[in-house]
Amino acid sequence: MTTHLSPAEARARLKELTVVDVRSPGEFAAGHLPGAYNVPLDQLDRAVPVLRETTGDGDLLVVCAAGPRSEAARTRLAERGVGAAVLSGGTNAWYEEGGDLELSAGGGRTPWDMNRQVRFAAGSLVLLGLLAGRKAPKARLLAVGIAGGLVYSGVSGSCGMAAVLGKLPFNRPDDSAIDATIEALRDR
């Protein structure tokens, strides 16, 4: 089974694929592949039984913004006997290559995408550390720690700050939303 699909390959097979987007609800609402289901990565285990029942080998495509979360989801699904492919480059690559994105219904304000939240939080903490460091030099260690975390994030492809921000209430679906998504997957 192919474990990675390019945006062009995914576009050609979109009607036959079950697309599961593992980003936060706010990121999903801001734009997702047509027909995608939102099951945030930290809620994926709840959907495994339904995905095992309703998707055949090669029929499941896992998507995130750029790839790391969907790769983690693919690995977790494989460990539980569910085969899946990952969209190479994620939703970002899909959009950059001319793919359409759907917006979630509701029309209300949605949280910023996770990348923007991380940039805002990291920048704010660095600025705070530098400003506080004028009075208390040890406070500059906050800026150093955040800078080190950003370097590690860039090298490793993982982001601890995104994991923490993902736990904030506006980045998490309520249980009824996940239950509704699982039922929609079952009815597919």
N, C-alpha and C. Protein backbone atom coordinates (compact mmCIF):
# COMPACT_ATOMS: atom_id res chain seq x y z
N MET A 1 0.84 -1.19 0.00
CA MET A 1 0.00 0.00 0.00
C MET A 1 0.88 1.25 0.00
N THR A 2 0.50 2.24 -0.77
CA THR A 2 1.20 3.52 -0.79
C THR A 2 0.95 4.24 0.51
N THR A 3 2.02 4.75 1.13
CA THR A 3 1.83 5.45 2.41
C THR A 3 1.80 6.96 2.24
N HIS A 4 2.15 7.46 1.05
CA HIS A 4 2.12 8.91 0.81
C HIS A 4 1.52 9.16 -0.57
N LEU A 5 0.63 10.12 -0.64
CA LEU A 5 0.06 10.55 -1.91
C LEU A 5 0.39 12.01 -2.12
N SER A 6 0.78 12.35 -3.33
CA SER A 6 1.00 13.75 -3.67
C SER A 6 -0.37 14.41 -3.78
N PRO A 7 -0.41 15.74 -3.74
CA PRO A 7 -1.71 16.41 -3.94
C PRO A 7 -2.37 16.01 -5.26
N ALA A 8 -1.61 15.86 -6.32
CA ALA A 8 -2.19 15.47 -7.61
C ALA A 8 -2.77 14.06 -7.54
N GLU A 9 -2.06 13.13 -6.91
CA GLU A 9 -2.58 11.77 -6.77
C GLU A 9 -3.84 11.75 -5.91
N ALA A 10 -3.83 12.51 -4.83
CA ALA A 10 -4.99 12.57 -3.95
C ALA A 10 -6.18 13.19 -4.68
N ARG A 11 -5.94 14.24 -5.46
CA ARG A 11 -7.02 14.90 -6.20
C ARG A 11 -7.67 13.92 -7.18
N ALA A 12 -6.86 13.10 -7.84
CA ALA A 12 -7.37 12.13 -8.80
C ALA A 12 -8.22 11.05 -8.13
N ARG A 13 -7.96 10.75 -6.87
CA ARG A 13 -8.65 9.68 -6.16
C ARG A 13 -9.61 10.19 -5.09
N LEU A 14 -9.83 11.49 -5.01
CA LEU A 14 -10.56 12.09 -3.90
C LEU A 14 -11.94 11.47 -3.67
N LYS A 15 -12.66 11.15 -4.73
CA LYS A 15 -14.02 10.62 -4.59
C LYS A 15 -14.04 9.22 -3.97
N GLU A 16 -12.95 8.47 -4.11
CA GLU A 16 -12.91 7.11 -3.56
C GLU A 16 -12.26 7.05 -2.18
N LEU A 17 -11.66 8.14 -1.73
CA LEU A 17 -10.95 8.16 -0.46
C LEU A 17 -11.83 8.67 0.68
N THR A 18 -11.60 8.15 1.86
CA THR A 18 -12.13 8.73 3.08
C THR A 18 -11.01 9.61 3.61
N VAL A 19 -11.26 10.91 3.71
CA VAL A 19 -10.24 11.86 4.14
C VAL A 19 -10.51 12.24 5.59
N VAL A 20 -9.51 12.00 6.44
CA VAL A 20 -9.59 12.35 7.85
C VAL A 20 -8.53 13.41 8.13
N ASP A 21 -8.98 14.56 8.56
CA ASP A 21 -8.10 15.69 8.88
C ASP A 21 -7.86 15.67 10.39
N VAL A 22 -6.60 15.55 10.79
CA VAL A 22 -6.27 15.39 12.21
C VAL A 22 -5.86 16.70 12.88
N ARG A 23 -6.15 17.83 12.24
CA ARG A 23 -5.85 19.13 12.85
C ARG A 23 -6.91 19.50 13.88
N SER A 24 -6.65 20.60 14.58
CA SER A 24 -7.61 21.09 15.57
C SER A 24 -8.87 21.57 14.85
N PRO A 25 -9.99 21.65 15.57
CA PRO A 25 -11.23 22.13 14.96
C PRO A 25 -11.10 23.52 14.34
N GLY A 26 -10.34 24.41 14.97
CA GLY A 26 -10.17 25.75 14.42
C GLY A 26 -9.42 25.73 13.10
N GLU A 27 -8.37 24.93 13.04
CA GLU A 27 -7.61 24.80 11.79
C GLU A 27 -8.49 24.19 10.70
N PHE A 28 -9.24 23.17 11.06
CA PHE A 28 -10.13 22.50 10.12
C PHE A 28 -11.17 23.48 9.58
N ALA A 29 -11.77 24.27 10.47
CA ALA A 29 -12.81 25.23 10.07
C ALA A 29 -12.27 26.27 9.10
N ALA A 30 -11.00 26.61 9.23
CA ALA A 30 -10.41 27.64 8.38
C ALA A 30 -10.17 27.17 6.95
N GLY A 31 -10.23 25.87 6.70
CA GLY A 31 -10.08 25.35 5.34
C GLY A 31 -9.57 23.93 5.34
N HIS A 32 -10.31 23.04 4.67
CA HIS A 32 -9.95 21.63 4.63
C HIS A 32 -10.28 21.05 3.27
N LEU A 33 -9.74 19.87 2.98
CA LEU A 33 -10.02 19.21 1.72
C LEU A 33 -11.52 18.93 1.61
N PRO A 34 -12.07 19.00 0.40
CA PRO A 34 -13.49 18.74 0.22
C PRO A 34 -13.88 17.36 0.74
N GLY A 35 -14.93 17.33 1.55
CA GLY A 35 -15.45 16.08 2.08
C GLY A 35 -14.69 15.49 3.25
N ALA A 36 -13.70 16.21 3.77
CA ALA A 36 -12.89 15.68 4.88
C ALA A 36 -13.68 15.64 6.17
N TYR A 37 -13.30 14.71 7.01
CA TYR A 37 -13.86 14.57 8.36
C TYR A 37 -12.81 15.05 9.35
N ASN A 38 -13.21 15.79 10.36
CA ASN A 38 -12.27 16.29 11.37
C ASN A 38 -12.24 15.38 12.58
N VAL A 39 -11.11 14.70 12.76
CA VAL A 39 -10.86 13.89 13.95
C VAL A 39 -9.49 14.31 14.45
N PRO A 40 -9.42 15.25 15.39
CA PRO A 40 -8.12 15.72 15.88
C PRO A 40 -7.25 14.56 16.35
N LEU A 41 -5.96 14.71 16.16
CA LEU A 41 -5.01 13.64 16.46
C LEU A 41 -5.21 13.05 17.85
N ASP A 42 -5.45 13.90 18.84
CA ASP A 42 -5.60 13.38 20.20
C ASP A 42 -6.94 12.65 20.41
N GLN A 43 -7.82 12.67 19.42
CA GLN A 43 -9.10 11.96 19.50
C GLN A 43 -9.17 10.77 18.54
N LEU A 44 -8.07 10.51 17.84
CA LEU A 44 -8.07 9.50 16.78
C LEU A 44 -8.44 8.11 17.27
N ASP A 45 -8.00 7.74 18.46
CA ASP A 45 -8.29 6.39 18.96
C ASP A 45 -9.79 6.13 19.04
N ARG A 46 -10.59 7.16 19.28
CA ARG A 46 -12.05 6.98 19.34
C ARG A 46 -12.62 6.56 17.99
N ALA A 47 -11.97 6.97 16.91
CA ALA A 47 -12.49 6.68 15.57
C ALA A 47 -11.94 5.38 14.98
N VAL A 48 -10.94 4.78 15.60
CA VAL A 48 -10.29 3.60 15.03
C VAL A 48 -11.28 2.47 14.72
N PRO A 49 -12.18 2.09 15.62
CA PRO A 49 -13.09 0.98 15.27
C PRO A 49 -13.92 1.26 14.01
N VAL A 50 -14.42 2.47 13.88
CA VAL A 50 -15.22 2.81 12.70
C VAL A 50 -14.35 2.85 11.45
N LEU A 51 -13.16 3.40 11.56
CA LEU A 51 -12.27 3.44 10.40
C LEU A 51 -11.88 2.03 9.97
N ARG A 52 -11.68 1.15 10.91
CA ARG A 52 -11.35 -0.24 10.59
C ARG A 52 -12.51 -0.91 9.84
N GLU A 53 -13.75 -0.61 10.26
CA GLU A 53 -14.94 -1.21 9.64
C GLU A 53 -15.25 -0.63 8.27
N THR A 54 -15.03 0.67 8.10
CA THR A 54 -15.57 1.35 6.92
C THR A 54 -14.56 1.66 5.82
N THR A 55 -13.28 1.47 6.07
CA THR A 55 -12.30 1.78 5.04
C THR A 55 -11.53 0.52 4.66
N GLY A 56 -11.31 0.37 3.37
CA GLY A 56 -10.51 -0.73 2.89
C GLY A 56 -9.05 -0.30 2.78
N ASP A 57 -8.21 -1.24 2.47
CA ASP A 57 -6.79 -0.96 2.33
C ASP A 57 -6.57 0.06 1.21
N GLY A 58 -5.98 1.18 1.55
CA GLY A 58 -5.68 2.21 0.56
C GLY A 58 -6.79 3.22 0.35
N ASP A 59 -7.87 3.12 1.12
CA ASP A 59 -9.01 4.02 0.95
C ASP A 59 -9.03 5.17 1.95
N LEU A 60 -8.08 5.21 2.87
CA LEU A 60 -8.06 6.23 3.91
C LEU A 60 -6.88 7.17 3.69
N LEU A 61 -7.18 8.46 3.67
CA LEU A 61 -6.15 9.48 3.53
C LEU A 61 -6.17 10.35 4.77
N VAL A 62 -5.01 10.47 5.42
CA VAL A 62 -4.90 11.27 6.64
C VAL A 62 -4.19 12.57 6.29
N VAL A 63 -4.73 13.68 6.78
CA VAL A 63 -4.26 15.00 6.39
C VAL A 63 -4.05 15.88 7.61
N CYS A 64 -3.03 16.72 7.57
CA CYS A 64 -2.84 17.80 8.55
C CYS A 64 -2.36 19.01 7.75
N ALA A 65 -1.79 19.99 8.42
CA ALA A 65 -1.36 21.20 7.72
C ALA A 65 -0.15 20.95 6.82
N ALA A 66 0.88 20.25 7.35
CA ALA A 66 2.10 20.09 6.58
C ALA A 66 2.61 18.65 6.51
N GLY A 67 2.18 17.78 7.40
CA GLY A 67 2.59 16.39 7.33
C GLY A 67 2.95 15.68 8.62
N PRO A 68 3.58 16.33 9.58
CA PRO A 68 4.00 15.58 10.78
C PRO A 68 2.86 14.95 11.58
N ARG A 69 1.78 15.67 11.79
CA ARG A 69 0.67 15.10 12.56
C ARG A 69 0.00 13.97 11.80
N SER A 70 -0.14 14.12 10.48
CA SER A 70 -0.77 13.04 9.72
C SER A 70 0.14 11.81 9.67
N GLU A 71 1.44 12.00 9.65
CA GLU A 71 2.36 10.86 9.70
C GLU A 71 2.25 10.15 11.05
N ALA A 72 2.13 10.92 12.14
CA ALA A 72 1.93 10.32 13.46
C ALA A 72 0.61 9.55 13.48
N ALA A 73 -0.43 10.10 12.86
CA ALA A 73 -1.73 9.43 12.80
C ALA A 73 -1.63 8.15 11.98
N ARG A 74 -0.95 8.19 10.85
CA ARG A 74 -0.79 7.00 10.00
C ARG A 74 -0.09 5.89 10.77
N THR A 75 0.95 6.25 11.50
CA THR A 75 1.68 5.26 12.29
C THR A 75 0.78 4.65 13.37
N ARG A 76 0.05 5.51 14.06
CA ARG A 76 -0.85 5.04 15.12
C ARG A 76 -1.94 4.13 14.54
N LEU A 77 -2.50 4.51 13.40
CA LEU A 77 -3.51 3.68 12.77
C LEU A 77 -2.94 2.33 12.33
N ALA A 78 -1.74 2.34 11.75
CA ALA A 78 -1.10 1.09 11.32
C ALA A 78 -0.89 0.15 12.50
N GLU A 79 -0.51 0.69 13.65
CA GLU A 79 -0.33 -0.13 14.85
C GLU A 79 -1.64 -0.77 15.29
N ARG A 80 -2.76 -0.19 14.89
CA ARG A 80 -4.07 -0.71 15.27
C ARG A 80 -4.77 -1.44 14.11
N GLY A 81 -3.99 -1.74 13.07
CA GLY A 81 -4.51 -2.53 11.96
C GLY A 81 -5.30 -1.77 10.93
N VAL A 82 -5.15 -0.45 10.88
CA VAL A 82 -5.87 0.36 9.89
C VAL A 82 -4.84 0.97 8.94
N GLY A 83 -4.94 0.60 7.66
CA GLY A 83 -4.02 1.14 6.66
C GLY A 83 -4.47 2.53 6.22
N ALA A 84 -3.52 3.42 6.07
CA ALA A 84 -3.83 4.78 5.64
C ALA A 84 -2.66 5.36 4.87
N ALA A 85 -2.95 6.33 4.05
CA ALA A 85 -1.92 7.11 3.35
C ALA A 85 -1.95 8.53 3.91
N VAL A 86 -0.85 9.22 3.72
CA VAL A 86 -0.69 10.60 4.17
C VAL A 86 -0.62 11.49 2.94
N LEU A 87 -1.24 12.66 3.01
CA LEU A 87 -1.12 13.64 1.93
C LEU A 87 0.22 14.34 2.09
N SER A 88 1.13 14.12 1.16
CA SER A 88 2.46 14.73 1.22
C SER A 88 2.34 16.25 1.21
N GLY A 89 2.92 16.88 2.21
CA GLY A 89 2.88 18.33 2.31
C GLY A 89 1.60 18.87 2.94
N GLY A 90 0.64 18.00 3.21
CA GLY A 90 -0.58 18.38 3.89
C GLY A 90 -1.46 19.35 3.12
N THR A 91 -2.34 19.97 3.88
CA THR A 91 -3.29 20.93 3.31
C THR A 91 -2.57 22.10 2.66
N ASN A 92 -1.42 22.47 3.21
CA ASN A 92 -0.64 23.57 2.62
C ASN A 92 -0.25 23.25 1.18
N ALA A 93 0.28 22.04 0.96
CA ALA A 93 0.69 21.65 -0.40
C ALA A 93 -0.52 21.51 -1.31
N TRP A 94 -1.61 20.97 -0.77
CA TRP A 94 -2.85 20.82 -1.54
C TRP A 94 -3.28 22.18 -2.10
N TYR A 95 -3.32 23.17 -1.24
CA TYR A 95 -3.76 24.51 -1.63
C TYR A 95 -2.76 25.16 -2.59
N GLU A 96 -1.47 25.02 -2.30
CA GLU A 96 -0.44 25.61 -3.16
C GLU A 96 -0.47 25.04 -4.57
N GLU A 97 -0.93 23.78 -4.71
CA GLU A 97 -1.01 23.15 -6.03
C GLU A 97 -2.39 23.32 -6.66
N GLY A 98 -3.16 24.26 -6.16
CA GLY A 98 -4.43 24.61 -6.79
C GLY A 98 -5.65 23.86 -6.30
N GLY A 99 -5.51 23.10 -5.22
CA GLY A 99 -6.66 22.37 -4.68
C GLY A 99 -7.62 23.30 -3.94
N ASP A 100 -8.90 23.03 -4.09
CA ASP A 100 -9.92 23.81 -3.38
C ASP A 100 -9.97 23.41 -1.92
N LEU A 101 -10.31 24.36 -1.08
CA LEU A 101 -10.53 24.11 0.33
C LEU A 101 -11.95 24.48 0.68
N GLU A 102 -12.58 23.66 1.51
CA GLU A 102 -13.91 23.96 2.03
C GLU A 102 -13.76 24.64 3.38
N LEU A 103 -14.70 25.52 3.69
CA LEU A 103 -14.76 26.14 5.01
C LEU A 103 -15.89 25.50 5.78
N SER A 104 -15.73 25.37 7.08
CA SER A 104 -16.79 24.78 7.89
C SER A 104 -17.95 25.75 8.00
N ALA A 105 -19.14 25.19 8.08
CA ALA A 105 -20.34 26.00 8.24
C ALA A 105 -20.33 26.67 9.60
N GLY A 106 -21.07 27.71 9.72
CA GLY A 106 -21.19 28.39 11.01
C GLY A 106 -20.95 29.87 10.88
N GLY A 107 -20.03 30.25 10.03
CA GLY A 107 -19.81 31.66 9.75
C GLY A 107 -19.24 32.47 10.90
N GLY A 108 -19.09 31.87 12.06
CA GLY A 108 -18.54 32.62 13.19
C GLY A 108 -17.03 32.71 13.13
N ARG A 109 -16.48 33.39 14.11
CA ARG A 109 -15.02 33.48 14.19
C ARG A 109 -14.46 32.11 14.52
N THR A 110 -13.36 31.79 13.88
CA THR A 110 -12.67 30.54 14.18
C THR A 110 -11.31 30.89 14.75
N PRO A 111 -10.77 30.00 15.58
CA PRO A 111 -9.43 30.26 16.12
C PRO A 111 -8.40 30.32 14.99
N TRP A 112 -7.32 30.99 15.27
CA TRP A 112 -6.22 31.03 14.31
C TRP A 112 -5.71 29.62 14.07
N ASP A 113 -5.10 29.42 12.89
CA ASP A 113 -4.50 28.12 12.66
C ASP A 113 -3.34 27.94 13.64
N MET A 114 -2.93 26.70 13.87
CA MET A 114 -1.96 26.39 14.90
C MET A 114 -0.61 27.07 14.65
N ASN A 115 -0.19 27.15 13.42
CA ASN A 115 1.07 27.80 13.10
C ASN A 115 1.06 29.26 13.56
N ARG A 116 -0.03 29.94 13.30
CA ARG A 116 -0.15 31.34 13.71
C ARG A 116 -0.20 31.47 15.23
N GLN A 117 -0.90 30.55 15.89
CA GLN A 117 -0.96 30.57 17.35
C GLN A 117 0.44 30.38 17.96
N VAL A 118 1.21 29.45 17.39
CA VAL A 118 2.57 29.20 17.90
C VAL A 118 3.45 30.43 17.68
N ARG A 119 3.36 31.03 16.50
CA ARG A 119 4.18 32.23 16.25
C ARG A 119 3.82 33.36 17.21
N PHE A 120 2.53 33.55 17.45
CA PHE A 120 2.09 34.60 18.37
C PHE A 120 2.58 34.32 19.79
N ALA A 121 2.36 33.10 20.26
CA ALA A 121 2.76 32.75 21.63
C ALA A 121 4.28 32.83 21.79
N ALA A 122 5.02 32.28 20.85
CA ALA A 122 6.48 32.30 20.95
C ALA A 122 7.00 33.73 20.91
N GLY A 123 6.50 34.52 19.99
CA GLY A 123 6.94 35.91 19.90
C GLY A 123 6.61 36.69 21.16
N SER A 124 5.43 36.47 21.70
CA SER A 124 5.03 37.16 22.93
C SER A 124 5.93 36.78 24.10
N LEU A 125 6.24 35.50 24.22
CA LEU A 125 7.10 35.04 25.32
C LEU A 125 8.53 35.55 25.18
N VAL A 126 9.04 35.58 23.96
CA VAL A 126 10.39 36.12 23.74
C VAL A 126 10.41 37.60 24.10
N LEU A 127 9.43 38.35 23.63
CA LEU A 127 9.34 39.77 23.94
C LEU A 127 9.22 40.00 25.45
N LEU A 128 8.39 39.22 26.10
CA LEU A 128 8.23 39.33 27.55
C LEU A 128 9.56 39.05 28.26
N GLY A 129 10.26 38.00 27.84
CA GLY A 129 11.54 37.68 28.45
C GLY A 129 12.57 38.78 28.27
N LEU A 130 12.60 39.37 27.09
CA LEU A 130 13.56 40.45 26.84
C LEU A 130 13.21 41.71 27.63
N LEU A 131 11.92 42.06 27.66
CA LEU A 131 11.51 43.25 28.41
C LEU A 131 11.72 43.06 29.91
N ALA A 132 11.33 41.91 30.42
CA ALA A 132 11.52 41.65 31.85
C ALA A 132 13.00 41.56 32.19
N GLY A 133 13.82 41.16 31.22
CA GLY A 133 15.25 41.04 31.44
C GLY A 133 15.94 42.37 31.69
N ARG A 134 15.27 43.45 31.35
CA ARG A 134 15.85 44.78 31.64
C ARG A 134 15.91 45.02 33.15
N LYS A 135 14.96 44.50 33.88
CA LYS A 135 14.90 44.66 35.34
C LYS A 135 15.51 43.45 36.06
N ALA A 136 15.27 42.28 35.52
CA ALA A 136 15.76 41.04 36.12
C ALA A 136 16.45 40.23 35.04
N PRO A 137 17.76 40.32 34.92
CA PRO A 137 18.49 39.68 33.81
C PRO A 137 18.19 38.18 33.63
N LYS A 138 17.88 37.48 34.69
CA LYS A 138 17.58 36.05 34.55
C LYS A 138 16.30 35.80 33.75
N ALA A 139 15.45 36.80 33.65
CA ALA A 139 14.22 36.65 32.88
C ALA A 139 14.51 36.45 31.39
N ARG A 140 15.70 36.84 30.95
CA ARG A 140 16.08 36.62 29.55
C ARG A 140 16.16 35.14 29.21
N LEU A 141 16.30 34.32 30.24
CA LEU A 141 16.34 32.87 30.01
C LEU A 141 15.04 32.38 29.37
N LEU A 142 13.94 33.09 29.62
CA LEU A 142 12.68 32.73 28.97
C LEU A 142 12.83 32.84 27.45
N ALA A 143 13.41 33.94 27.00
CA ALA A 143 13.63 34.14 25.56
C ALA A 143 14.57 33.07 25.01
N VAL A 144 15.60 32.75 25.76
CA VAL A 144 16.56 31.72 25.32
C VAL A 144 15.86 30.36 25.23
N GLY A 145 15.04 30.04 26.22
CA GLY A 145 14.32 28.77 26.21
C GLY A 145 13.37 28.65 25.04
N ILE A 146 12.64 29.71 24.76
CA ILE A 146 11.71 29.69 23.62
C ILE A 146 12.48 29.56 22.31
N ALA A 147 13.57 30.31 22.18
CA ALA A 147 14.39 30.23 20.96
C ALA A 147 14.91 28.81 20.76
N GLY A 148 15.39 28.19 21.84
CA GLY A 148 15.86 26.81 21.75
C GLY A 148 14.76 25.86 21.33
N GLY A 149 13.56 26.07 21.88
CA GLY A 149 12.42 25.23 21.50
C GLY A 149 12.05 25.39 20.04
N LEU A 150 12.14 26.61 19.52
CA LEU A 150 11.85 26.84 18.10
C LEU A 150 12.87 26.17 17.20
N VAL A 151 14.14 26.23 17.60
CA VAL A 151 15.19 25.55 16.82
C VAL A 151 14.94 24.05 16.83
N TYR A 152 14.67 23.50 18.00
CA TYR A 152 14.38 22.06 18.10
C TYR A 152 13.18 21.69 17.24
N SER A 153 12.14 22.52 17.28
CA SER A 153 10.95 22.28 16.48
C SER A 153 11.27 22.23 14.99
N GLY A 154 12.10 23.17 14.56
CA GLY A 154 12.48 23.20 13.14
C GLY A 154 13.29 21.98 12.73
N VAL A 155 14.17 21.53 13.60
CA VAL A 155 15.01 20.38 13.28
C VAL A 155 14.23 19.07 13.35
N SER A 156 13.39 18.93 14.37
CA SER A 156 12.70 17.66 14.60
C SER A 156 11.39 17.51 13.84
N GLY A 157 10.79 18.63 13.46
CA GLY A 157 9.49 18.57 12.80
C GLY A 157 8.33 18.40 13.78
N SER A 158 8.63 18.47 15.07
CA SER A 158 7.58 18.39 16.08
C SER A 158 7.54 19.72 16.82
N CYS A 159 6.45 20.00 17.50
CA CYS A 159 6.34 21.28 18.18
C CYS A 159 5.61 21.11 19.50
N GLY A 160 6.35 21.19 20.57
CA GLY A 160 5.77 21.07 21.90
C GLY A 160 4.79 22.17 22.21
N MET A 161 5.07 23.39 21.72
CA MET A 161 4.17 24.50 21.98
C MET A 161 2.82 24.26 21.30
N ALA A 162 2.84 23.70 20.10
CA ALA A 162 1.59 23.39 19.40
C ALA A 162 0.81 22.34 20.17
N ALA A 163 1.51 21.37 20.76
CA ALA A 163 0.84 20.34 21.55
C ALA A 163 0.15 20.97 22.76
N VAL A 164 0.82 21.91 23.40
CA VAL A 164 0.23 22.58 24.57
C VAL A 164 -0.95 23.46 24.13
N LEU A 165 -0.75 24.26 23.08
CA LEU A 165 -1.83 25.13 22.60
C LEU A 165 -3.04 24.32 22.12
N GLY A 166 -2.79 23.13 21.60
CA GLY A 166 -3.87 22.28 21.12
C GLY A 166 -4.81 21.83 22.22
N LYS A 167 -4.39 21.95 23.47
CA LYS A 167 -5.22 21.56 24.59
C LYS A 167 -6.13 22.68 25.09
N LEU A 168 -5.96 23.89 24.55
CA LEU A 168 -6.83 25.00 24.94
C LEU A 168 -8.25 24.74 24.46
N PRO A 169 -9.24 25.21 25.20
CA PRO A 169 -10.65 24.88 24.88
C PRO A 169 -11.07 25.24 23.45
N PHE A 170 -10.61 26.35 22.92
CA PHE A 170 -11.05 26.73 21.57
C PHE A 170 -10.37 25.91 20.48
N ASN A 171 -9.38 25.11 20.84
CA ASN A 171 -8.72 24.23 19.87
C ASN A 171 -9.21 22.78 19.97
N ARG A 172 -10.13 22.53 20.86
CA ARG A 172 -10.59 21.17 21.10
C ARG A 172 -12.07 21.04 20.75
N PRO A 173 -12.43 19.93 20.11
CA PRO A 173 -13.85 19.72 19.86
C PRO A 173 -14.53 19.24 21.12
N ASP A 174 -15.82 19.48 21.22
CA ASP A 174 -16.52 18.87 22.35
C ASP A 174 -16.84 17.43 21.96
N ASP A 175 -17.15 16.63 22.95
CA ASP A 175 -17.40 15.21 22.71
C ASP A 175 -18.50 14.97 21.69
N SER A 176 -19.52 15.82 21.70
CA SER A 176 -20.63 15.61 20.77
C SER A 176 -20.18 15.81 19.32
N ALA A 177 -19.24 16.71 19.09
CA ALA A 177 -18.73 16.92 17.73
C ALA A 177 -17.97 15.69 17.25
N ILE A 178 -17.15 15.12 18.12
CA ILE A 178 -16.42 13.91 17.74
C ILE A 178 -17.39 12.76 17.51
N ASP A 179 -18.37 12.61 18.39
CA ASP A 179 -19.37 11.56 18.23
C ASP A 179 -20.11 11.71 16.90
N ALA A 180 -20.47 12.95 16.54
CA ALA A 180 -21.16 13.20 15.27
C ALA A 180 -20.27 12.86 14.08
N THR A 181 -18.99 13.17 14.18
CA THR A 181 -18.06 12.84 13.09
C THR A 181 -17.91 11.33 12.95
N ILE A 182 -17.82 10.63 14.06
CA ILE A 182 -17.69 9.16 14.01
C ILE A 182 -18.95 8.55 13.40
N GLU A 183 -20.12 9.08 13.75
CA GLU A 183 -21.36 8.58 13.15
C GLU A 183 -21.40 8.88 11.65
N ALA A 184 -20.93 10.04 11.25
CA ALA A 184 -20.90 10.39 9.83
C ALA A 184 -19.95 9.45 9.07
N LEU A 185 -18.84 9.11 9.69
CA LEU A 185 -17.92 8.15 9.07
C LEU A 185 -18.59 6.78 8.93
N ARG A 186 -19.32 6.38 9.94
CA ARG A 186 -20.02 5.09 9.92
C ARG A 186 -21.05 5.05 8.81
N ASP A 187 -21.74 6.18 8.59
CA ASP A 187 -22.80 6.24 7.59
C ASP A 187 -22.27 6.44 6.17
N ARG A 188 -21.00 6.69 6.04
CA ARG A 188 -20.40 6.97 4.73
C ARG A 188 -20.61 5.82 3.78
